[in-house]
Amino acid sequence: MDYMSLAIEAKRKKDFELAHKYYGAKMEQDGITAGLLRSISKIFYLEKQNYNALMFALAATHLSLFQYLQEYKNGDLNVKQALEVIPNEIIEQFPHPIGALLMHEPNTLKHIAHSYADQEEVYKDRPAVRMYAEVYYVQVLGDGSHVSKLEEFRLTPEEHLNYEENEYIPLGITIIKDQIKWSEIDNPDVSMLYLV
């Protein structure tokens, strides 16, 4: 059974409980993967369970970094080349050089930042953030309402993208630097590291 497709369909219909059920079945079938953890994080985000969304996103990111590190140690040319194109001043900003590979994953950085920042407490101090959060929400939902949400806020796709690049991506980088368990980057047991 294609649990991922069923979960995505349930998500689009806002049946988040069913989406969790299908993702759980997928995990039982195939085990934990970074992609599956990201998908679960998105359901928690849509449910406005920011802490769980953030923890699952961090777990997914940690698992990706673990996999990149193993590939790098095994001489994977793609990983080495991806790291070589990143300037040293960026690599040096991360607690472990392999973390710089996340610069190639803007969607990961944005999702972590949205999971952290898209909350009522933030909107009180920065009300303009709400419209960007609502646009991101419908993007994650994937129900086709993204364009109408941009129009509702009189935002162009370029304005939205610029805000994400200038606000959310830097925040995502900061969160990753601060909250990934870098001393455990060789440990793939993300359930114990982030989810208990």
C-alpha atoms as a PDB file:
ATOM      1  CA  MET A   1       0.000   0.000   0.000  1.00  0.00           C
ATOM      2  CA  ASP A   2       1.308   3.487  -0.854  1.00  0.00           C
ATOM      3  CA  TYR A   3       1.045   5.073   2.582  1.00  0.00           C
ATOM      4  CA  MET A   4       2.877   8.244   1.544  1.00  0.00           C
ATOM      5  CA  SER A   5       0.344   9.079  -1.170  1.00  0.00           C
ATOM      6  CA  LEU A   6      -2.526   8.305   1.176  1.00  0.00           C
ATOM      7  CA  ALA A   7      -0.999  10.545   3.862  1.00  0.00           C
ATOM      8  CA  ILE A   8      -0.510  13.408   1.404  1.00  0.00           C
ATOM      9  CA  GLU A   9      -4.123  13.111   0.257  1.00  0.00           C
ATOM     10  CA  ALA A  10      -5.339  13.098   3.871  1.00  0.00           C
ATOM     11  CA  LYS A  11      -3.192  16.174   4.565  1.00  0.00           C
ATOM     12  CA  ARG A  12      -4.712  18.068   1.632  1.00  0.00           C
ATOM     13  CA  LYS A  13      -8.160  17.275   3.027  1.00  0.00           C
ATOM     14  CA  LYS A  14      -7.013  18.509   6.473  1.00  0.00           C
ATOM     15  CA  ASP A  15      -7.559  15.073   7.966  1.00  0.00           C
ATOM     16  CA  PHE A  16      -4.370  15.322   9.980  1.00  0.00           C
ATOM     17  CA  GLU A  17      -5.193  12.405  12.265  1.00  0.00           C
ATOM     18  CA  LEU A  18      -5.483  10.127   9.242  1.00  0.00           C
ATOM     19  CA  ALA A  19      -2.256  11.542   7.796  1.00  0.00           C
ATOM     20  CA  HIS A  20      -0.456  10.690  11.055  1.00  0.00           C
ATOM     21  CA  LYS A  21      -1.925   7.179  10.874  1.00  0.00           C
ATOM     22  CA  TYR A  22      -0.603   6.646   7.342  1.00  0.00           C
ATOM     23  CA  TYR A  23       2.817   8.067   8.202  1.00  0.00           C
ATOM     24  CA  GLY A  24       2.928   5.749  11.219  1.00  0.00           C
ATOM     25  CA  ALA A  25       2.135   2.790   8.961  1.00  0.00           C
ATOM     26  CA  LYS A  26       4.875   3.908   6.566  1.00  0.00           C
ATOM     27  CA  MET A  27       7.328   4.076   9.471  1.00  0.00           C
ATOM     28  CA  GLU A  28       6.363   0.547  10.559  1.00  0.00           C
ATOM     29  CA  GLN A  29       6.811  -0.625   6.980  1.00  0.00           C
ATOM     30  CA  ASP A  30      10.141   1.043   6.136  1.00  0.00           C
ATOM     31  CA  GLY A  31      11.587   2.433   9.362  1.00  0.00           C
ATOM     32  CA  ILE A  32      12.584   6.009  10.093  1.00  0.00           C
ATOM     33  CA  THR A  33      13.813   8.166   7.218  1.00  0.00           C
ATOM     34  CA  ALA A  34      14.612  11.858   7.024  1.00  0.00           C
ATOM     35  CA  GLY A  35      11.871  12.381   4.437  1.00  0.00           C
ATOM     36  CA  LEU A  36       9.264  10.670   6.589  1.00  0.00           C
ATOM     37  CA  LEU A  37      10.253  12.730   9.638  1.00  0.00           C
ATOM     38  CA  ARG A  38       9.946  15.916   7.539  1.00  0.00           C
ATOM     39  CA  SER A  39       6.493  14.868   6.387  1.00  0.00           C
ATOM     40  CA  ILE A  40       5.375  14.221   9.964  1.00  0.00           C
ATOM     41  CA  SER A  41       6.823  17.591  10.971  1.00  0.00           C
ATOM     42  CA  LYS A  42       4.663  19.264   8.342  1.00  0.00           C
ATOM     43  CA  ILE A  43       1.523  17.646   9.733  1.00  0.00           C
ATOM     44  CA  PHE A  44       2.398  18.919  13.203  1.00  0.00           C
ATOM     45  CA  TYR A  45       2.996  22.363  11.674  1.00  0.00           C
ATOM     46  CA  LEU A  46      -0.445  22.304  10.043  1.00  0.00           C
ATOM     47  CA  GLU A  47      -1.931  21.319  13.402  1.00  0.00           C
ATOM     48  CA  LYS A  48      -0.131  24.327  14.916  1.00  0.00           C
ATOM     49  CA  GLN A  49       1.848  22.049  17.198  1.00  0.00           C
ATOM     50  CA  ASN A  50       5.014  24.056  16.709  1.00  0.00           C
ATOM     51  CA  TYR A  51       7.179  22.284  19.277  1.00  0.00           C
ATOM     52  CA  ASN A  52       6.496  18.858  17.739  1.00  0.00           C
ATOM     53  CA  ALA A  53       6.924  20.271  14.239  1.00  0.00           C
ATOM     54  CA  LEU A  54      10.294  21.707  15.207  1.00  0.00           C
ATOM     55  CA  MET A  55      11.512  18.547  16.959  1.00  0.00           C
ATOM     56  CA  PHE A  56      10.574  16.314  14.024  1.00  0.00           C
ATOM     57  CA  ALA A  57      12.196  18.778  11.599  1.00  0.00           C
ATOM     58  CA  LEU A  58      15.377  18.817  13.694  1.00  0.00           C
ATOM     59  CA  ALA A  59      15.355  15.017  13.857  1.00  0.00           C
ATOM     60  CA  ALA A  60      14.996  14.848  10.062  1.00  0.00           C
ATOM     61  CA  THR A  61      17.806  17.353   9.609  1.00  0.00           C
ATOM     62  CA  HIS A  62      20.078  15.497  12.026  1.00  0.00           C
ATOM     63  CA  LEU A  63      19.433  12.225  10.185  1.00  0.00           C
ATOM     64  CA  SER A  64      20.220  13.909   6.847  1.00  0.00           C
ATOM     65  CA  LEU A  65      23.454  15.314   8.280  1.00  0.00           C
ATOM     66  CA  PHE A  66      24.370  11.885   9.651  1.00  0.00           C
ATOM     67  CA  GLN A  67      23.804  10.369   6.200  1.00  0.00           C
ATOM     68  CA  TYR A  68      25.833  13.116   4.490  1.00  0.00           C
ATOM     69  CA  LEU A  69      28.667  12.556   6.942  1.00  0.00           C
ATOM     70  CA  GLN A  70      28.682   8.810   6.312  1.00  0.00           C
ATOM     71  CA  GLU A  71      28.673   9.398   2.553  1.00  0.00           C
ATOM     72  CA  TYR A  72      31.494  11.926   2.914  1.00  0.00           C
ATOM     73  CA  LYS A  73      33.559   9.480   4.995  1.00  0.00           C
ATOM     74  CA  ASN A  74      32.955   6.820   2.335  1.00  0.00           C
ATOM     75  CA  GLY A  75      34.314   9.125  -0.372  1.00  0.00           C
ATOM     76  CA  ASP A  76      31.034  10.067  -2.072  1.00  0.00           C
ATOM     77  CA  LEU A  77      32.031  12.516  -4.812  1.00  0.00           C
ATOM     78  CA  ASN A  78      28.653  14.274  -4.913  1.00  0.00           C
ATOM     79  CA  VAL A  79      28.834  15.148  -1.216  1.00  0.00           C
ATOM     80  CA  LYS A  80      32.469  16.258  -1.503  1.00  0.00           C
ATOM     81  CA  GLN A  81      31.692  18.450  -4.518  1.00  0.00           C
ATOM     82  CA  ALA A  82      28.615  19.944  -2.841  1.00  0.00           C
ATOM     83  CA  LEU A  83      30.777  20.883   0.140  1.00  0.00           C
ATOM     84  CA  GLU A  84      33.598  22.254  -2.032  1.00  0.00           C
ATOM     85  CA  VAL A  85      31.376  24.890  -3.675  1.00  0.00           C
ATOM     86  CA  ILE A  86      30.440  26.398  -0.307  1.00  0.00           C
ATOM     87  CA  PRO A  87      32.781  29.217   0.758  1.00  0.00           C
ATOM     88  CA  ASN A  88      34.979  28.496   3.796  1.00  0.00           C
ATOM     89  CA  GLU A  89      33.545  31.445   5.735  1.00  0.00           C
ATOM     90  CA  ILE A  90      30.128  29.762   5.576  1.00  0.00           C
ATOM     91  CA  ILE A  91      31.474  26.300   6.429  1.00  0.00           C
ATOM     92  CA  GLU A  92      33.250  27.745   9.467  1.00  0.00           C
ATOM     93  CA  GLN A  93      29.953  29.134  10.809  1.00  0.00           C
ATOM     94  CA  PHE A  94      28.649  25.624  11.487  1.00  0.00           C
ATOM     95  CA  PRO A  95      29.698  23.568  14.514  1.00  0.00           C
ATOM     96  CA  HIS A  96      30.559  20.733  12.090  1.00  0.00           C
ATOM     97  CA  PRO A  97      31.610  21.325   8.456  1.00  0.00           C
ATOM     98  CA  ILE A  98      28.991  18.862   7.161  1.00  0.00           C
ATOM     99  CA  GLY A  99      26.305  21.280   8.400  1.00  0.00           C
ATOM    100  CA  ALA A 100      27.179  23.677   5.600  1.00  0.00           C
ATOM    101  CA  LEU A 101      25.530  21.264   3.159  1.00  0.00           C
ATOM    102  CA  LEU A 102      22.216  22.566   4.478  1.00  0.00           C
ATOM    103  CA  MET A 103      22.899  25.729   2.481  1.00  0.00           C
ATOM    104  CA  HIS A 104      21.820  23.595  -0.498  1.00  0.00           C
ATOM    105  CA  GLU A 105      18.482  22.886   1.244  1.00  0.00           C
ATOM    106  CA  PRO A 106      16.586  26.177   1.584  1.00  0.00           C
ATOM    107  CA  ASN A 107      13.266  24.371   2.090  1.00  0.00           C
ATOM    108  CA  THR A 108      14.656  22.601   5.161  1.00  0.00           C
ATOM    109  CA  LEU A 109      15.878  25.907   6.578  1.00  0.00           C
ATOM    110  CA  LYS A 110      12.544  27.624   5.885  1.00  0.00           C
ATOM    111  CA  HIS A 111      10.486  24.840   7.421  1.00  0.00           C
ATOM    112  CA  ILE A 112      12.534  24.821  10.608  1.00  0.00           C
ATOM    113  CA  ALA A 113      12.164  28.593  10.899  1.00  0.00           C
ATOM    114  CA  HIS A 114       8.418  28.499  10.229  1.00  0.00           C
ATOM    115  CA  SER A 115       8.001  25.706  12.782  1.00  0.00           C
ATOM    116  CA  TYR A 116       9.736  27.884  15.336  1.00  0.00           C
ATOM    117  CA  ALA A 117       8.356  31.338  14.529  1.00  0.00           C
ATOM    118  CA  ASP A 118       4.824  30.937  13.197  1.00  0.00           C
ATOM    119  CA  GLN A 119       3.064  31.383  16.542  1.00  0.00           C
ATOM    120  CA  GLU A 120       0.654  33.846  18.118  1.00  0.00           C
ATOM    121  CA  GLU A 121       3.337  35.131  20.518  1.00  0.00           C
ATOM    122  CA  VAL A 122       5.459  36.194  17.540  1.00  0.00           C
ATOM    123  CA  TYR A 123       2.527  37.798  15.723  1.00  0.00           C
ATOM    124  CA  LYS A 124       1.862  40.057  18.721  1.00  0.00           C
ATOM    125  CA  ASP A 125       5.302  41.631  18.365  1.00  0.00           C
ATOM    126  CA  ARG A 126       5.550  41.337  14.584  1.00  0.00           C
ATOM    127  CA  PRO A 127       2.050  41.295  13.043  1.00  0.00           C
ATOM    128  CA  ALA A 128       3.367  41.338   9.455  1.00  0.00           C
ATOM    129  CA  VAL A 129       4.829  37.873   9.979  1.00  0.00           C
ATOM    130  CA  ARG A 130       1.307  36.401  10.076  1.00  0.00           C
ATOM    131  CA  MET A 131       0.663  36.877   6.361  1.00  0.00           C
ATOM    132  CA  TYR A 132       3.908  35.111   5.418  1.00  0.00           C
ATOM    133  CA  ALA A 133       3.060  32.332   7.845  1.00  0.00           C
ATOM    134  CA  GLU A 134      -0.400  31.936   6.308  1.00  0.00           C
ATOM    135  CA  VAL A 135       1.074  31.726   2.812  1.00  0.00           C
ATOM    136  CA  TYR A 136       3.530  29.080   3.989  1.00  0.00           C
ATOM    137  CA  TYR A 137       0.705  27.189   5.702  1.00  0.00           C
ATOM    138  CA  VAL A 138      -1.207  26.761   2.437  1.00  0.00           C
ATOM    139  CA  GLN A 139       2.010  25.835   0.636  1.00  0.00           C
ATOM    140  CA  VAL A 140       2.537  23.008   3.118  1.00  0.00           C
ATOM    141  CA  LEU A 141      -1.132  22.045   2.949  1.00  0.00           C
ATOM    142  CA  GLY A 142      -0.790  21.647  -0.810  1.00  0.00           C
ATOM    143  CA  ASP A 143      -4.465  22.154  -1.578  1.00  0.00           C
ATOM    144  CA  GLY A 144      -3.900  24.578  -4.463  1.00  0.00           C
ATOM    145  CA  SER A 145      -4.839  27.733  -2.546  1.00  0.00           C
ATOM    146  CA  HIS A 146      -1.331  29.215  -2.552  1.00  0.00           C
ATOM    147  CA  VAL A 147      -1.941  31.768  -5.322  1.00  0.00           C
ATOM    148  CA  SER A 148      -5.236  32.975  -3.851  1.00  0.00           C
ATOM    149  CA  LYS A 149      -3.557  33.394  -0.447  1.00  0.00           C
ATOM    150  CA  LEU A 150      -0.835  35.543  -2.051  1.00  0.00           C
ATOM    151  CA  GLU A 151      -3.559  37.610  -3.742  1.00  0.00           C
ATOM    152  CA  GLU A 152      -5.443  37.965  -0.452  1.00  0.00           C
ATOM    153  CA  PHE A 153      -2.383  39.636   1.075  1.00  0.00           C
ATOM    154  CA  ARG A 154      -1.490  41.495  -2.134  1.00  0.00           C
ATOM    155  CA  LEU A 155       1.886  39.780  -2.213  1.00  0.00           C
ATOM    156  CA  THR A 156       3.734  38.848  -5.356  1.00  0.00           C
ATOM    157  CA  PRO A 157       5.523  35.499  -5.430  1.00  0.00           C
ATOM    158  CA  GLU A 158       8.790  37.458  -5.575  1.00  0.00           C
ATOM    159  CA  GLU A 159       7.952  39.462  -2.445  1.00  0.00           C
ATOM    160  CA  HIS A 160       7.103  36.294  -0.590  1.00  0.00           C
ATOM    161  CA  LEU A 161      10.292  34.578  -1.747  1.00  0.00           C
ATOM    162  CA  ASN A 162      12.415  37.597  -0.785  1.00  0.00           C
ATOM    163  CA  TYR A 163      10.910  37.649   2.707  1.00  0.00           C
ATOM    164  CA  GLU A 164      11.551  33.941   3.121  1.00  0.00           C
ATOM    165  CA  GLU A 165      15.162  34.332   1.953  1.00  0.00           C
ATOM    166  CA  ASN A 166      15.860  37.373   4.121  1.00  0.00           C
ATOM    167  CA  GLU A 167      13.967  36.403   7.291  1.00  0.00           C
ATOM    168  CA  TYR A 168      13.159  32.712   7.517  1.00  0.00           C
ATOM    169  CA  ILE A 169      16.293  31.157   6.009  1.00  0.00           C
ATOM    170  CA  PRO A 170      18.689  33.069   8.317  1.00  0.00           C
ATOM    171  CA  LEU A 171      16.476  32.140  11.276  1.00  0.00           C
ATOM    172  CA  GLY A 172      16.529  28.501  10.181  1.00  0.00           C
ATOM    173  CA  ILE A 173      20.330  28.567  10.040  1.00  0.00           C
ATOM    174  CA  THR A 174      20.504  30.035  13.546  1.00  0.00           C
ATOM    175  CA  ILE A 175      18.120  27.418  14.935  1.00  0.00           C
ATOM    176  CA  ILE A 176      20.070  24.588  13.314  1.00  0.00           C
ATOM    177  CA  LYS A 177      23.366  25.886  14.678  1.00  0.00           C
ATOM    178  CA  ASP A 178      21.870  26.163  18.168  1.00  0.00           C
ATOM    179  CA  GLN A 179      19.615  23.114  18.370  1.00  0.00           C
ATOM    180  CA  ILE A 180      21.139  20.308  16.331  1.00  0.00           C
ATOM    181  CA  LYS A 181      23.016  17.969  18.657  1.00  0.00           C
ATOM    182  CA  TRP A 182      26.328  18.432  16.863  1.00  0.00           C
ATOM    183  CA  SER A 183      28.325  16.376  19.367  1.00  0.00           C
ATOM    184  CA  GLU A 184      26.063  13.434  18.429  1.00  0.00           C
ATOM    185  CA  ILE A 185      26.224  13.904  14.652  1.00  0.00           C
ATOM    186  CA  ASP A 186      27.623  10.345  14.326  1.00  0.00           C
ATOM    187  CA  ASN A 187      24.535   9.000  16.114  1.00  0.00           C
ATOM    188  CA  PRO A 188      21.562   8.149  13.849  1.00  0.00           C
ATOM    189  CA  ASP A 189      19.206   7.458  16.785  1.00  0.00           C
ATOM    190  CA  VAL A 190      17.213  10.647  16.276  1.00  0.00           C
ATOM    191  CA  SER A 191      14.252   9.261  18.209  1.00  0.00           C
ATOM    192  CA  MET A 192      16.297   9.315  21.414  1.00  0.00           C
ATOM    193  CA  LEU A 193      18.020  12.598  20.567  1.00  0.00           C
ATOM    194  CA  TYR A 194      14.935  14.664  19.653  1.00  0.00           C
ATOM    195  CA  LEU A 195      11.667  12.808  20.078  1.00  0.00           C
ATOM    196  CA  VAL A 196      11.566  11.517  23.666  1.00  0.00           C
END
